[in-house]
Amino acid sequence: MNPFSPVLLSALFVGFLVVAMLVLSLLLGPRRKSAVKGEPFETGMVPFNLPGDRFAIRFYVIAILFVVFDVELVFLFPWASVFRELGWFGLAEMGFFVAVLALALIYAWRKGALEWE
């Protein structure tokens, strides 16, 4: 038996579930259209001001920083699960990784990228 068969079986099951839910929503979902639902906002209220303004660049910088430091956790969890097998070399590598991220955070902090005004 292939060691990846449970993964393949799970992927097939999830794929079947997704297709089944989409088909059921098409068959059983409401299909009534109205002028209010045709508006840009489907809240049922007439919009008083369309969002045409631009966001400040600080919003995007903070969002990118959040994503970068959030993705860091994706690498920390697997490392923590195999910490003992990696030994001192794994500890040094992860220490270097966290140090680089800490330097990036300090740099962003000094440049004022984390200030929200």
N, C-alpha and C. Protein backbone atom coordinates (compact mmCIF):
# COMPACT_ATOMS: atom_id res chain seq x y z
N MET A 1 0.85 -1.19 0.00
CA MET A 1 0.00 0.00 0.00
C MET A 1 0.89 1.24 0.00
N ASN A 2 0.53 2.20 -0.81
CA ASN A 2 1.27 3.44 -0.93
C ASN A 2 1.09 4.29 0.33
N PRO A 3 2.18 4.90 0.84
CA PRO A 3 2.03 5.70 2.07
C PRO A 3 1.22 6.99 1.84
N PHE A 4 1.05 7.39 0.60
CA PHE A 4 0.29 8.61 0.31
C PHE A 4 -1.19 8.32 0.02
N SER A 5 -1.61 7.05 0.13
CA SER A 5 -3.02 6.74 -0.16
C SER A 5 -3.99 7.45 0.78
N PRO A 6 -3.71 7.59 2.09
CA PRO A 6 -4.66 8.33 2.93
C PRO A 6 -4.79 9.79 2.51
N VAL A 7 -3.68 10.39 2.08
CA VAL A 7 -3.73 11.78 1.62
C VAL A 7 -4.56 11.89 0.35
N LEU A 8 -4.34 10.97 -0.58
CA LEU A 8 -5.11 10.96 -1.82
C LEU A 8 -6.59 10.72 -1.54
N LEU A 9 -6.88 9.80 -0.65
CA LEU A 9 -8.26 9.51 -0.29
C LEU A 9 -8.92 10.73 0.35
N SER A 10 -8.22 11.42 1.23
CA SER A 10 -8.76 12.64 1.85
C SER A 10 -9.00 13.73 0.81
N ALA A 11 -8.06 13.89 -0.12
CA ALA A 11 -8.21 14.90 -1.16
C ALA A 11 -9.42 14.59 -2.05
N LEU A 12 -9.60 13.32 -2.40
CA LEU A 12 -10.75 12.94 -3.20
C LEU A 12 -12.06 13.17 -2.44
N PHE A 13 -12.08 12.86 -1.16
CA PHE A 13 -13.27 13.06 -0.35
C PHE A 13 -13.61 14.55 -0.25
N VAL A 14 -12.60 15.38 -0.01
CA VAL A 14 -12.83 16.83 0.08
C VAL A 14 -13.30 17.37 -1.26
N GLY A 15 -12.69 16.91 -2.35
CA GLY A 15 -13.13 17.35 -3.67
C GLY A 15 -14.58 16.97 -3.94
N PHE A 16 -14.95 15.75 -3.59
CA PHE A 16 -16.34 15.32 -3.75
C PHE A 16 -17.28 16.18 -2.91
N LEU A 17 -16.87 16.49 -1.68
CA LEU A 17 -17.70 17.31 -0.79
C LEU A 17 -17.90 18.71 -1.37
N VAL A 18 -16.85 19.30 -1.90
CA VAL A 18 -16.95 20.64 -2.48
C VAL A 18 -17.89 20.64 -3.66
N VAL A 19 -17.73 19.68 -4.57
CA VAL A 19 -18.61 19.60 -5.74
C VAL A 19 -20.04 19.36 -5.32
N ALA A 20 -20.26 18.49 -4.33
CA ALA A 20 -21.62 18.21 -3.87
C ALA A 20 -22.27 19.45 -3.27
N MET A 21 -21.53 20.21 -2.49
CA MET A 21 -22.11 21.42 -1.89
C MET A 21 -22.42 22.47 -2.95
N LEU A 22 -21.56 22.60 -3.96
CA LEU A 22 -21.83 23.56 -5.03
C LEU A 22 -23.07 23.17 -5.82
N VAL A 23 -23.20 21.89 -6.14
CA VAL A 23 -24.36 21.43 -6.89
C VAL A 23 -25.63 21.59 -6.06
N LEU A 24 -25.57 21.25 -4.77
CA LEU A 24 -26.74 21.42 -3.91
C LEU A 24 -27.15 22.88 -3.75
N SER A 25 -26.18 23.78 -3.67
CA SER A 25 -26.53 25.19 -3.55
C SER A 25 -27.16 25.72 -4.84
N LEU A 26 -26.71 25.19 -5.98
CA LEU A 26 -27.33 25.60 -7.24
C LEU A 26 -28.76 25.06 -7.35
N LEU A 27 -28.98 23.85 -6.89
CA LEU A 27 -30.30 23.24 -7.00
C LEU A 27 -31.28 23.77 -5.96
N LEU A 28 -30.84 23.99 -4.74
CA LEU A 28 -31.74 24.34 -3.65
C LEU A 28 -31.74 25.83 -3.29
N GLY A 29 -30.80 26.60 -3.80
CA GLY A 29 -30.69 28.01 -3.42
C GLY A 29 -31.76 28.88 -4.07
N PRO A 30 -32.05 30.03 -3.45
CA PRO A 30 -33.06 30.94 -4.01
C PRO A 30 -32.54 31.60 -5.28
N ARG A 31 -33.45 31.88 -6.21
CA ARG A 31 -33.06 32.49 -7.48
C ARG A 31 -33.81 33.79 -7.75
N ARG A 32 -34.40 34.40 -6.75
CA ARG A 32 -35.15 35.64 -6.98
C ARG A 32 -34.20 36.82 -7.12
N LYS A 33 -34.40 37.58 -8.19
CA LYS A 33 -33.59 38.78 -8.40
C LYS A 33 -34.46 40.00 -8.19
N SER A 34 -33.84 41.06 -7.69
CA SER A 34 -34.57 42.31 -7.50
C SER A 34 -33.64 43.48 -7.81
N ALA A 35 -34.22 44.66 -7.90
CA ALA A 35 -33.42 45.84 -8.21
C ALA A 35 -32.47 46.17 -7.07
N VAL A 36 -32.91 45.91 -5.85
CA VAL A 36 -32.06 46.21 -4.70
C VAL A 36 -30.85 45.27 -4.67
N LYS A 37 -31.06 44.01 -4.99
CA LYS A 37 -29.95 43.07 -5.00
C LYS A 37 -28.99 43.34 -6.15
N GLY A 38 -29.43 44.06 -7.14
CA GLY A 38 -28.57 44.39 -8.26
C GLY A 38 -27.64 45.56 -7.97
N GLU A 39 -27.81 46.19 -6.83
CA GLU A 39 -26.94 47.30 -6.43
C GLU A 39 -25.54 46.77 -6.14
N PRO A 40 -24.54 47.66 -6.13
CA PRO A 40 -23.18 47.20 -5.83
C PRO A 40 -23.03 46.56 -4.46
N PHE A 41 -23.84 46.99 -3.50
CA PHE A 41 -23.78 46.41 -2.15
C PHE A 41 -25.06 45.60 -1.95
N GLU A 42 -24.93 44.35 -1.61
CA GLU A 42 -26.09 43.49 -1.47
C GLU A 42 -26.61 43.48 -0.04
N THR A 43 -26.64 44.65 0.59
CA THR A 43 -27.12 44.71 1.96
C THR A 43 -28.60 45.06 2.01
N GLY A 44 -29.15 45.47 0.89
CA GLY A 44 -30.55 45.89 0.87
C GLY A 44 -30.71 47.37 1.09
N MET A 45 -29.64 48.07 1.37
CA MET A 45 -29.70 49.52 1.57
C MET A 45 -29.05 50.21 0.39
N VAL A 46 -29.57 51.36 0.03
CA VAL A 46 -29.02 52.13 -1.08
C VAL A 46 -27.70 52.75 -0.62
N PRO A 47 -26.62 52.57 -1.38
CA PRO A 47 -25.35 53.16 -0.95
C PRO A 47 -25.38 54.67 -1.08
N PHE A 48 -24.86 55.36 -0.07
CA PHE A 48 -24.86 56.82 -0.10
C PHE A 48 -23.54 57.36 -0.62
N ASN A 49 -22.48 56.54 -0.59
CA ASN A 49 -21.19 56.98 -1.09
C ASN A 49 -20.42 55.76 -1.58
N LEU A 50 -20.11 55.74 -2.85
CA LEU A 50 -19.35 54.62 -3.39
C LEU A 50 -17.89 54.73 -2.98
N PRO A 51 -17.24 53.60 -2.73
CA PRO A 51 -15.84 53.66 -2.29
C PRO A 51 -14.90 53.97 -3.44
N GLY A 52 -14.69 55.22 -3.73
CA GLY A 52 -13.79 55.62 -4.79
C GLY A 52 -12.50 56.18 -4.26
N ASP A 53 -12.41 56.36 -2.95
CA ASP A 53 -11.21 56.92 -2.36
C ASP A 53 -10.09 55.88 -2.33
N ARG A 54 -8.88 56.38 -2.32
CA ARG A 54 -7.73 55.49 -2.24
C ARG A 54 -7.34 55.30 -0.78
N PHE A 55 -6.79 54.13 -0.50
CA PHE A 55 -6.27 53.87 0.83
C PHE A 55 -4.86 54.44 0.93
N ALA A 56 -4.47 54.80 2.12
CA ALA A 56 -3.11 55.28 2.34
C ALA A 56 -2.13 54.13 2.17
N ILE A 57 -0.91 54.46 1.76
CA ILE A 57 0.11 53.43 1.54
C ILE A 57 0.46 52.73 2.84
N ARG A 58 0.30 53.39 3.96
CA ARG A 58 0.59 52.78 5.26
C ARG A 58 -0.29 51.54 5.51
N PHE A 59 -1.51 51.60 5.01
CA PHE A 59 -2.39 50.44 5.16
C PHE A 59 -1.79 49.22 4.48
N TYR A 60 -1.27 49.39 3.29
CA TYR A 60 -0.69 48.28 2.55
C TYR A 60 0.62 47.79 3.18
N VAL A 61 1.42 48.72 3.68
CA VAL A 61 2.68 48.34 4.32
C VAL A 61 2.41 47.50 5.56
N ILE A 62 1.47 47.93 6.38
CA ILE A 62 1.15 47.17 7.59
C ILE A 62 0.54 45.82 7.22
N ALA A 63 -0.27 45.78 6.18
CA ALA A 63 -0.85 44.50 5.74
C ALA A 63 0.25 43.54 5.27
N ILE A 64 1.21 44.02 4.52
CA ILE A 64 2.30 43.17 4.04
C ILE A 64 3.16 42.70 5.21
N LEU A 65 3.43 43.59 6.15
CA LEU A 65 4.20 43.19 7.33
C LEU A 65 3.46 42.13 8.13
N PHE A 66 2.16 42.28 8.26
CA PHE A 66 1.37 41.28 8.96
C PHE A 66 1.48 39.92 8.27
N VAL A 67 1.37 39.91 6.96
CA VAL A 67 1.46 38.65 6.22
C VAL A 67 2.84 38.02 6.38
N VAL A 68 3.89 38.83 6.30
CA VAL A 68 5.26 38.31 6.42
C VAL A 68 5.47 37.67 7.79
N PHE A 69 5.05 38.36 8.85
CA PHE A 69 5.29 37.81 10.18
C PHE A 69 4.28 36.72 10.53
N ASP A 70 3.18 36.66 9.82
CA ASP A 70 2.24 35.57 10.02
C ASP A 70 2.76 34.30 9.34
N VAL A 71 3.38 34.45 8.19
CA VAL A 71 3.95 33.30 7.48
C VAL A 71 5.13 32.73 8.26
N GLU A 72 5.79 33.58 9.06
CA GLU A 72 6.87 33.09 9.90
C GLU A 72 6.39 31.96 10.81
N LEU A 73 5.19 32.07 11.31
CA LEU A 73 4.65 31.03 12.19
C LEU A 73 4.45 29.72 11.45
N VAL A 74 4.21 29.79 10.16
CA VAL A 74 4.04 28.57 9.38
C VAL A 74 5.34 27.75 9.39
N PHE A 75 6.48 28.45 9.48
CA PHE A 75 7.76 27.74 9.53
C PHE A 75 8.15 27.35 10.95
N LEU A 76 7.62 28.05 11.94
CA LEU A 76 7.98 27.73 13.32
C LEU A 76 7.28 26.48 13.84
N PHE A 77 6.06 26.24 13.46
CA PHE A 77 5.32 25.08 13.97
C PHE A 77 5.93 23.75 13.53
N PRO A 78 6.27 23.54 12.26
CA PRO A 78 6.90 22.26 11.91
C PRO A 78 8.27 22.09 12.57
N TRP A 79 9.01 23.18 12.71
CA TRP A 79 10.31 23.09 13.38
C TRP A 79 10.14 22.65 14.83
N ALA A 80 9.12 23.19 15.49
CA ALA A 80 8.90 22.83 16.89
C ALA A 80 8.50 21.35 17.03
N SER A 81 7.86 20.80 16.02
CA SER A 81 7.44 19.40 16.13
C SER A 81 8.61 18.43 15.94
N VAL A 82 9.67 18.84 15.25
CA VAL A 82 10.83 17.97 15.05
C VAL A 82 12.08 18.55 15.70
N PHE A 83 11.89 19.32 16.74
CA PHE A 83 12.99 20.03 17.39
C PHE A 83 14.07 19.07 17.89
N ARG A 84 13.68 17.99 18.54
CA ARG A 84 14.66 17.07 19.13
C ARG A 84 15.47 16.32 18.06
N GLU A 85 14.86 16.00 16.94
CA GLU A 85 15.58 15.27 15.89
C GLU A 85 16.61 16.14 15.19
N LEU A 86 16.36 17.46 15.12
CA LEU A 86 17.28 18.35 14.41
C LEU A 86 18.54 18.67 15.21
N GLY A 87 18.43 18.64 16.51
CA GLY A 87 19.61 18.87 17.36
C GLY A 87 20.04 20.32 17.36
N TRP A 88 21.35 20.49 17.63
CA TRP A 88 21.89 21.85 17.76
C TRP A 88 21.92 22.58 16.42
N PHE A 89 22.14 21.84 15.34
CA PHE A 89 22.16 22.48 14.02
C PHE A 89 20.80 23.10 13.69
N GLY A 90 19.73 22.37 13.98
CA GLY A 90 18.38 22.90 13.74
C GLY A 90 18.09 24.11 14.62
N LEU A 91 18.58 24.07 15.85
CA LEU A 91 18.39 25.22 16.74
C LEU A 91 19.13 26.44 16.22
N ALA A 92 20.35 26.24 15.73
CA ALA A 92 21.12 27.36 15.19
C ALA A 92 20.46 27.92 13.93
N GLU A 93 19.97 27.05 13.06
CA GLU A 93 19.31 27.51 11.84
C GLU A 93 18.05 28.31 12.16
N MET A 94 17.25 27.82 13.10
CA MET A 94 16.03 28.53 13.45
C MET A 94 16.36 29.82 14.20
N GLY A 95 17.43 29.81 14.99
CA GLY A 95 17.87 31.05 15.63
C GLY A 95 18.26 32.09 14.61
N PHE A 96 18.95 31.67 13.55
CA PHE A 96 19.31 32.60 12.47
C PHE A 96 18.06 33.13 11.77
N PHE A 97 17.11 32.25 11.52
CA PHE A 97 15.85 32.65 10.87
C PHE A 97 15.10 33.68 11.70
N VAL A 98 14.98 33.43 13.00
CA VAL A 98 14.27 34.35 13.88
C VAL A 98 15.05 35.65 14.02
N ALA A 99 16.39 35.59 14.02
CA ALA A 99 17.19 36.80 14.11
C ALA A 99 16.99 37.68 12.88
N VAL A 100 16.94 37.09 11.71
CA VAL A 100 16.71 37.88 10.49
C VAL A 100 15.33 38.53 10.54
N LEU A 101 14.33 37.79 11.00
CA LEU A 101 13.00 38.37 11.12
C LEU A 101 12.96 39.47 12.18
N ALA A 102 13.69 39.29 13.26
CA ALA A 102 13.74 40.33 14.30
C ALA A 102 14.42 41.59 13.76
N LEU A 103 15.49 41.42 12.98
CA LEU A 103 16.14 42.58 12.36
C LEU A 103 15.19 43.29 11.39
N ALA A 104 14.41 42.53 10.66
CA ALA A 104 13.43 43.14 9.74
C ALA A 104 12.38 43.91 10.52
N LEU A 105 11.94 43.36 11.65
CA LEU A 105 10.96 44.05 12.47
C LEU A 105 11.54 45.33 13.07
N ILE A 106 12.77 45.26 13.55
CA ILE A 106 13.42 46.45 14.10
C ILE A 106 13.59 47.51 13.02
N TYR A 107 13.97 47.10 11.81
CA TYR A 107 14.11 48.04 10.69
C TYR A 107 12.78 48.71 10.36
N ALA A 108 11.72 47.92 10.28
CA ALA A 108 10.40 48.49 9.98
C ALA A 108 9.94 49.41 11.10
N TRP A 109 10.24 49.06 12.33
CA TRP A 109 9.86 49.89 13.47
C TRP A 109 10.60 51.22 13.43
N ARG A 110 11.91 51.18 13.15
CA ARG A 110 12.70 52.41 13.09
C ARG A 110 12.27 53.33 11.94
N LYS A 111 11.88 52.73 10.83
CA LYS A 111 11.44 53.53 9.68
C LYS A 111 10.05 54.09 9.88
N GLY A 112 9.35 53.65 10.91
CA GLY A 112 8.00 54.16 11.20
C GLY A 112 6.92 53.45 10.42
N ALA A 113 7.20 52.26 9.93
CA ALA A 113 6.22 51.53 9.15
C ALA A 113 5.08 51.01 10.02
N LEU A 114 5.31 50.91 11.32
CA LEU A 114 4.28 50.38 12.21
C LEU A 114 3.44 51.48 12.87
N GLU A 115 3.74 52.72 12.58
CA GLU A 115 2.98 53.84 13.14
C GLU A 115 1.71 54.05 12.33
N TRP A 116 0.61 54.15 13.01
CA TRP A 116 -0.67 54.39 12.36
C TRP A 116 -1.17 55.77 12.77
N GLU A 117 -1.19 56.67 11.82
CA GLU A 117 -1.60 58.05 12.12
C GLU A 117 -2.87 58.43 11.41
